[in-house]
């Protein structure tokens, strides 16, 4: 099985349960390490990545997709984002159509961390084209658009992400959208509106 959850506290808890149920589930440990890295729990990330890295003899039992995922997460953890992007790009070409949107978001995040912002935007856009109900892709694209001063595009994508998170009943997603919207408004000098979003 694969883990295609968005990076969040909710995802981290779900992945921790999966790892607890099956300690030999390497990919659960790897995705948990990635989630911990994204949330700045570096010691937790290192610990889980060690658990995710199986002895050499076990590697024969991993699929090519699982190996690519482990390699990509490893490169993220050591901050080699160019190689992480290369592995995620290779993985995106191998996974099923249902999994591809999630991998494209991971690829976009690697591109962002490597400073390749146009490629990141293109990756998020492709993810949305493959699955226009994937809220995380809209949110990541909106955040990057805001930093690139594409404010109108960012606002539209934030609204789309919020609508999708509301339809899912995902309060954590809604909270993240409100927080990122507030940052965007503060950045463009609309200082009164962020207060309401933060209170919300």
C-alpha atoms as a PDB file:
ATOM      1  CA  UNK A   1       0.000   0.000   0.000  1.00  0.00           C
ATOM      2  CA  UNK A   2       1.008   3.632  -0.319  1.00  0.00           C
ATOM      3  CA  UNK A   3       0.513   6.698   1.850  1.00  0.00           C
ATOM      4  CA  UNK A   4      -0.850   9.681  -0.079  1.00  0.00           C
ATOM      5  CA  UNK A   5      -2.050  11.849   2.793  1.00  0.00           C
ATOM      6  CA  UNK A   6      -1.406  15.604   2.833  1.00  0.00           C
ATOM      7  CA  UNK A   7       1.361  16.710   5.174  1.00  0.00           C
ATOM      8  CA  UNK A   8      -0.346  17.825   8.414  1.00  0.00           C
ATOM      9  CA  UNK A   9      -0.814  16.938  12.064  1.00  0.00           C
ATOM     10  CA  UNK A  10      -3.780  14.778  11.056  1.00  0.00           C
ATOM     11  CA  UNK A  11      -1.684  12.927   8.497  1.00  0.00           C
ATOM     12  CA  UNK A  12       1.161  12.538  10.968  1.00  0.00           C
ATOM     13  CA  UNK A  13      -1.154  10.925  13.515  1.00  0.00           C
ATOM     14  CA  UNK A  14      -2.619   8.581  10.894  1.00  0.00           C
ATOM     15  CA  UNK A  15       0.834   7.587   9.673  1.00  0.00           C
ATOM     16  CA  UNK A  16       1.986   7.006  13.256  1.00  0.00           C
ATOM     17  CA  UNK A  17      -0.937   4.617  13.761  1.00  0.00           C
ATOM     18  CA  UNK A  18      -0.029   2.782  10.547  1.00  0.00           C
ATOM     19  CA  UNK A  19       3.599   2.474  11.663  1.00  0.00           C
ATOM     20  CA  UNK A  20       2.522   1.261  15.103  1.00  0.00           C
ATOM     21  CA  UNK A  21       0.235  -1.393  13.614  1.00  0.00           C
ATOM     22  CA  UNK A  22       2.903  -2.660  11.223  1.00  0.00           C
ATOM     23  CA  UNK A  23       6.429  -1.629  12.316  1.00  0.00           C
ATOM     24  CA  UNK A  24       7.836  -3.239   9.153  1.00  0.00           C
ATOM     25  CA  UNK A  25       5.790  -0.919   6.881  1.00  0.00           C
ATOM     26  CA  UNK A  26       8.779   1.069   5.570  1.00  0.00           C
ATOM     27  CA  UNK A  27       6.757   3.550   3.557  1.00  0.00           C
ATOM     28  CA  UNK A  28       4.643   4.545   6.564  1.00  0.00           C
ATOM     29  CA  UNK A  29       7.837   5.378   8.472  1.00  0.00           C
ATOM     30  CA  UNK A  30       9.187   7.305   5.460  1.00  0.00           C
ATOM     31  CA  UNK A  31       6.028   9.362   5.036  1.00  0.00           C
ATOM     32  CA  UNK A  32       5.960   9.942   8.797  1.00  0.00           C
ATOM     33  CA  UNK A  33       9.547  11.212   8.556  1.00  0.00           C
ATOM     34  CA  UNK A  34       8.504  13.555   5.740  1.00  0.00           C
ATOM     35  CA  UNK A  35       5.548  14.858   7.748  1.00  0.00           C
ATOM     36  CA  UNK A  36       7.761  15.412  10.793  1.00  0.00           C
ATOM     37  CA  UNK A  37      10.264  17.326   8.636  1.00  0.00           C
ATOM     38  CA  UNK A  38       7.533  19.557   7.253  1.00  0.00           C
ATOM     39  CA  UNK A  39       6.423  20.317  10.819  1.00  0.00           C
ATOM     40  CA  UNK A  40      10.024  20.902  11.994  1.00  0.00           C
ATOM     41  CA  UNK A  41      10.173  17.824  14.236  1.00  0.00           C
ATOM     42  CA  UNK A  42      13.686  17.043  13.027  1.00  0.00           C
ATOM     43  CA  UNK A  43      14.632  14.453  15.656  1.00  0.00           C
ATOM     44  CA  UNK A  44      11.389  12.591  14.987  1.00  0.00           C
ATOM     45  CA  UNK A  45      12.058  12.761  11.247  1.00  0.00           C
ATOM     46  CA  UNK A  46      15.551  11.302  11.605  1.00  0.00           C
ATOM     47  CA  UNK A  47      14.308   8.534  13.863  1.00  0.00           C
ATOM     48  CA  UNK A  48      11.509   7.522  11.510  1.00  0.00           C
ATOM     49  CA  UNK A  49      13.770   7.636   8.456  1.00  0.00           C
ATOM     50  CA  UNK A  50      16.153   5.221  10.146  1.00  0.00           C
ATOM     51  CA  UNK A  51      13.214   2.900  10.740  1.00  0.00           C
ATOM     52  CA  UNK A  52      12.150   3.308   7.122  1.00  0.00           C
ATOM     53  CA  UNK A  53      15.539   2.287   5.748  1.00  0.00           C
ATOM     54  CA  UNK A  54      15.491  -1.498   5.681  1.00  0.00           C
ATOM     55  CA  UNK A  55      18.551  -3.743   5.748  1.00  0.00           C
ATOM     56  CA  UNK A  56      19.984  -4.412   2.299  1.00  0.00           C
ATOM     57  CA  UNK A  57      18.461  -7.878   2.017  1.00  0.00           C
ATOM     58  CA  UNK A  58      14.957  -6.491   2.521  1.00  0.00           C
ATOM     59  CA  UNK A  59      15.299  -4.115  -0.422  1.00  0.00           C
ATOM     60  CA  UNK A  60      14.588  -7.020  -2.761  1.00  0.00           C
ATOM     61  CA  UNK A  61      11.029  -7.058  -1.446  1.00  0.00           C
ATOM     62  CA  UNK A  62      10.329  -3.374  -2.120  1.00  0.00           C
ATOM     63  CA  UNK A  63       8.652  -2.323  -5.339  1.00  0.00           C
ATOM     64  CA  UNK A  64      10.374   0.207  -7.578  1.00  0.00           C
ATOM     65  CA  UNK A  65       7.788   2.791  -6.516  1.00  0.00           C
ATOM     66  CA  UNK A  66       8.497   2.189  -2.824  1.00  0.00           C
ATOM     67  CA  UNK A  67      12.239   2.494  -3.416  1.00  0.00           C
ATOM     68  CA  UNK A  68      11.762   5.796  -5.250  1.00  0.00           C
ATOM     69  CA  UNK A  69       9.560   7.116  -2.442  1.00  0.00           C
ATOM     70  CA  UNK A  70      12.129   6.187   0.195  1.00  0.00           C
ATOM     71  CA  UNK A  71      14.916   7.780  -1.834  1.00  0.00           C
ATOM     72  CA  UNK A  72      12.914  10.963  -2.403  1.00  0.00           C
ATOM     73  CA  UNK A  73      12.105  11.351   1.301  1.00  0.00           C
ATOM     74  CA  UNK A  74      15.743  10.688   2.193  1.00  0.00           C
ATOM     75  CA  UNK A  75      16.910  13.469  -0.127  1.00  0.00           C
ATOM     76  CA  UNK A  76      14.332  15.848   1.388  1.00  0.00           C
ATOM     77  CA  UNK A  77      15.644  15.064   4.864  1.00  0.00           C
ATOM     78  CA  UNK A  78      19.255  15.755   3.880  1.00  0.00           C
ATOM     79  CA  UNK A  79      18.118  18.887   2.022  1.00  0.00           C
ATOM     80  CA  UNK A  80      19.264  17.642  -1.377  1.00  0.00           C
ATOM     81  CA  UNK A  81      16.159  19.012  -3.062  1.00  0.00           C
ATOM     82  CA  UNK A  82      17.412  18.671  -6.628  1.00  0.00           C
ATOM     83  CA  UNK A  83      17.764  14.908  -6.215  1.00  0.00           C
ATOM     84  CA  UNK A  84      14.490  14.759  -4.278  1.00  0.00           C
ATOM     85  CA  UNK A  85      12.729  16.427  -7.217  1.00  0.00           C
ATOM     86  CA  UNK A  86      14.363  14.015  -9.647  1.00  0.00           C
ATOM     87  CA  UNK A  87      13.110  11.026  -7.647  1.00  0.00           C
ATOM     88  CA  UNK A  88       9.597  12.450  -7.285  1.00  0.00           C
ATOM     89  CA  UNK A  89       9.506  13.157 -11.035  1.00  0.00           C
ATOM     90  CA  UNK A  90      10.488   9.569 -11.732  1.00  0.00           C
ATOM     91  CA  UNK A  91       7.902   8.359  -9.235  1.00  0.00           C
ATOM     92  CA  UNK A  92       5.166  10.486 -10.830  1.00  0.00           C
ATOM     93  CA  UNK A  93       5.780   8.688 -14.114  1.00  0.00           C
ATOM     94  CA  UNK A  94       5.330   5.285 -12.479  1.00  0.00           C
ATOM     95  CA  UNK A  95       2.381   5.588 -10.098  1.00  0.00           C
ATOM     96  CA  UNK A  96      -1.261   5.023 -10.971  1.00  0.00           C
ATOM     97  CA  UNK A  97      -3.384   7.930 -12.295  1.00  0.00           C
ATOM     98  CA  UNK A  98      -5.127   8.078  -8.890  1.00  0.00           C
ATOM     99  CA  UNK A  99      -1.837   8.580  -7.035  1.00  0.00           C
ATOM    100  CA  UNK A 100      -0.214  10.942  -9.538  1.00  0.00           C
ATOM    101  CA  UNK A 101      -1.840  14.195  -8.225  1.00  0.00           C
ATOM    102  CA  UNK A 102      -0.426  13.574  -4.741  1.00  0.00           C
ATOM    103  CA  UNK A 103       3.058  12.805  -6.061  1.00  0.00           C
ATOM    104  CA  UNK A 104       2.932  15.941  -8.213  1.00  0.00           C
ATOM    105  CA  UNK A 105       2.325  18.004  -5.075  1.00  0.00           C
ATOM    106  CA  UNK A 106       5.334  16.347  -3.431  1.00  0.00           C
ATOM    107  CA  UNK A 107       7.321  17.139  -6.580  1.00  0.00           C
ATOM    108  CA  UNK A 108       6.178  20.756  -6.439  1.00  0.00           C
ATOM    109  CA  UNK A 109       7.287  21.040  -2.823  1.00  0.00           C
ATOM    110  CA  UNK A 110      10.732  19.702  -3.744  1.00  0.00           C
ATOM    111  CA  UNK A 111      10.959  22.209  -6.613  1.00  0.00           C
ATOM    112  CA  UNK A 112       9.976  25.027  -4.229  1.00  0.00           C
ATOM    113  CA  UNK A 113      12.625  24.035  -1.719  1.00  0.00           C
ATOM    114  CA  UNK A 114      15.158  24.011  -4.560  1.00  0.00           C
ATOM    115  CA  UNK A 115      14.136  27.525  -5.637  1.00  0.00           C
ATOM    116  CA  UNK A 116      12.607  26.325  -8.922  1.00  0.00           C
ATOM    117  CA  UNK A 117       9.357  28.216  -8.511  1.00  0.00           C
ATOM    118  CA  UNK A 118       8.029  28.081 -12.081  1.00  0.00           C
ATOM    119  CA  UNK A 119       8.505  24.328 -12.157  1.00  0.00           C
ATOM    120  CA  UNK A 120       6.742  24.096  -8.795  1.00  0.00           C
ATOM    121  CA  UNK A 121       3.771  26.093 -10.115  1.00  0.00           C
ATOM    122  CA  UNK A 122       3.626  23.864 -13.175  1.00  0.00           C
ATOM    123  CA  UNK A 123       3.646  20.749 -10.982  1.00  0.00           C
ATOM    124  CA  UNK A 124       0.802  22.037  -8.790  1.00  0.00           C
ATOM    125  CA  UNK A 125      -1.143  23.058 -11.892  1.00  0.00           C
ATOM    126  CA  UNK A 126      -0.729  19.599 -13.404  1.00  0.00           C
ATOM    127  CA  UNK A 127      -1.888  18.043 -10.128  1.00  0.00           C
ATOM    128  CA  UNK A 128      -5.049  20.174 -10.221  1.00  0.00           C
ATOM    129  CA  UNK A 129      -5.618  19.258 -13.874  1.00  0.00           C
ATOM    130  CA  UNK A 130      -5.450  15.573 -12.907  1.00  0.00           C
ATOM    131  CA  UNK A 131      -7.735  15.980  -9.869  1.00  0.00           C
ATOM    132  CA  UNK A 132      -9.617  19.232  -9.413  1.00  0.00           C
ATOM    133  CA  UNK A 133     -10.932  18.040  -6.042  1.00  0.00           C
ATOM    134  CA  UNK A 134      -7.468  17.843  -4.459  1.00  0.00           C
ATOM    135  CA  UNK A 135      -7.502  20.715  -1.970  1.00  0.00           C
ATOM    136  CA  UNK A 136      -3.816  20.424  -1.036  1.00  0.00           C
ATOM    137  CA  UNK A 137      -2.760  21.213  -4.615  1.00  0.00           C
ATOM    138  CA  UNK A 138      -4.841  24.410  -4.649  1.00  0.00           C
ATOM    139  CA  UNK A 139      -3.461  25.415  -1.248  1.00  0.00           C
ATOM    140  CA  UNK A 140       0.183  24.845  -2.183  1.00  0.00           C
ATOM    141  CA  UNK A 141      -0.257  26.702  -5.478  1.00  0.00           C
ATOM    142  CA  UNK A 142      -1.984  29.592  -3.713  1.00  0.00           C
ATOM    143  CA  UNK A 143       0.828  29.914  -1.159  1.00  0.00           C
ATOM    144  CA  UNK A 144       3.451  30.015  -3.898  1.00  0.00           C
ATOM    145  CA  UNK A 145       1.409  32.441  -6.022  1.00  0.00           C
ATOM    146  CA  UNK A 146       1.155  34.733  -3.011  1.00  0.00           C
ATOM    147  CA  UNK A 147       4.916  34.705  -2.546  1.00  0.00           C
ATOM    148  CA  UNK A 148       5.321  35.399  -6.277  1.00  0.00           C
ATOM    149  CA  UNK A 149       2.931  38.384  -5.938  1.00  0.00           C
ATOM    150  CA  UNK A 150       0.322  36.740  -8.175  1.00  0.00           C
ATOM    151  CA  UNK A 151      -2.261  37.946  -5.692  1.00  0.00           C
ATOM    152  CA  UNK A 152      -5.451  37.540  -7.755  1.00  0.00           C
ATOM    153  CA  UNK A 153      -4.513  33.978  -8.684  1.00  0.00           C
ATOM    154  CA  UNK A 154      -3.618  33.230  -5.068  1.00  0.00           C
ATOM    155  CA  UNK A 155      -6.976  34.508  -3.806  1.00  0.00           C
ATOM    156  CA  UNK A 156      -8.876  32.319  -6.267  1.00  0.00           C
ATOM    157  CA  UNK A 157      -6.862  29.248  -5.318  1.00  0.00           C
ATOM    158  CA  UNK A 158      -7.270  29.918  -1.594  1.00  0.00           C
ATOM    159  CA  UNK A 159     -11.048  30.142  -2.126  1.00  0.00           C
ATOM    160  CA  UNK A 160     -11.038  26.880  -4.085  1.00  0.00           C
ATOM    161  CA  UNK A 161      -8.992  25.129  -1.382  1.00  0.00           C
ATOM    162  CA  UNK A 162     -11.258  26.431   1.369  1.00  0.00           C
ATOM    163  CA  UNK A 163     -14.391  25.287  -0.454  1.00  0.00           C
ATOM    164  CA  UNK A 164     -12.952  21.797  -0.930  1.00  0.00           C
ATOM    165  CA  UNK A 165     -11.803  21.545   2.684  1.00  0.00           C
ATOM    166  CA  UNK A 166     -15.256  22.663   3.859  1.00  0.00           C
ATOM    167  CA  UNK A 167     -16.932  20.039   1.694  1.00  0.00           C
ATOM    168  CA  UNK A 168     -14.667  17.433   3.330  1.00  0.00           C
ATOM    169  CA  UNK A 169     -15.321  18.784   6.828  1.00  0.00           C
ATOM    170  CA  UNK A 170     -11.556  19.223   7.208  1.00  0.00           C
ATOM    171  CA  UNK A 171     -11.140  21.830   9.952  1.00  0.00           C
ATOM    172  CA  UNK A 172      -7.348  21.633   9.868  1.00  0.00           C
ATOM    173  CA  UNK A 173      -7.355  22.443   6.163  1.00  0.00           C
ATOM    174  CA  UNK A 174      -9.745  25.348   6.671  1.00  0.00           C
ATOM    175  CA  UNK A 175      -7.523  26.698   9.451  1.00  0.00           C
ATOM    176  CA  UNK A 176      -4.425  26.495   7.250  1.00  0.00           C
ATOM    177  CA  UNK A 177      -6.210  28.344   4.436  1.00  0.00           C
ATOM    178  CA  UNK A 178      -7.272  31.119   6.844  1.00  0.00           C
ATOM    179  CA  UNK A 179      -3.724  31.424   8.165  1.00  0.00           C
ATOM    180  CA  UNK A 180      -2.184  31.595   4.690  1.00  0.00           C
ATOM    181  CA  UNK A 181      -4.824  34.104   3.538  1.00  0.00           C
ATOM    182  CA  UNK A 182      -3.962  36.293   6.518  1.00  0.00           C
ATOM    183  CA  UNK A 183      -0.269  36.174   5.592  1.00  0.00           C
ATOM    184  CA  UNK A 184      -1.087  37.183   2.024  1.00  0.00           C
ATOM    185  CA  UNK A 185      -3.271  40.104   3.110  1.00  0.00           C
ATOM    186  CA  UNK A 186      -0.604  41.293   5.537  1.00  0.00           C
ATOM    187  CA  UNK A 187       2.011  41.044   2.786  1.00  0.00           C
ATOM    188  CA  UNK A 188       0.007  43.259   0.419  1.00  0.00           C
ATOM    189  CA  UNK A 189      -0.715  45.870   3.095  1.00  0.00           C
ATOM    190  CA  UNK A 190      -4.338  45.055   3.969  1.00  0.00           C
ATOM    191  CA  UNK A 191      -3.673  45.057   7.681  1.00  0.00           C
ATOM    192  CA  UNK A 192      -7.254  45.133   8.998  1.00  0.00           C
ATOM    193  CA  UNK A 193      -8.572  41.986   7.301  1.00  0.00           C
ATOM    194  CA  UNK A 194      -6.001  39.474   8.633  1.00  0.00           C
ATOM    195  CA  UNK A 195      -7.201  40.073  12.208  1.00  0.00           C
ATOM    196  CA  UNK A 196     -10.611  38.609  11.386  1.00  0.00           C
ATOM    197  CA  UNK A 197      -9.062  35.596   9.680  1.00  0.00           C
ATOM    198  CA  UNK A 198      -6.755  34.897  12.605  1.00  0.00           C
ATOM    199  CA  UNK A 199      -9.657  35.158  15.065  1.00  0.00           C
ATOM    200  CA  UNK A 200     -11.684  32.796  12.888  1.00  0.00           C
END
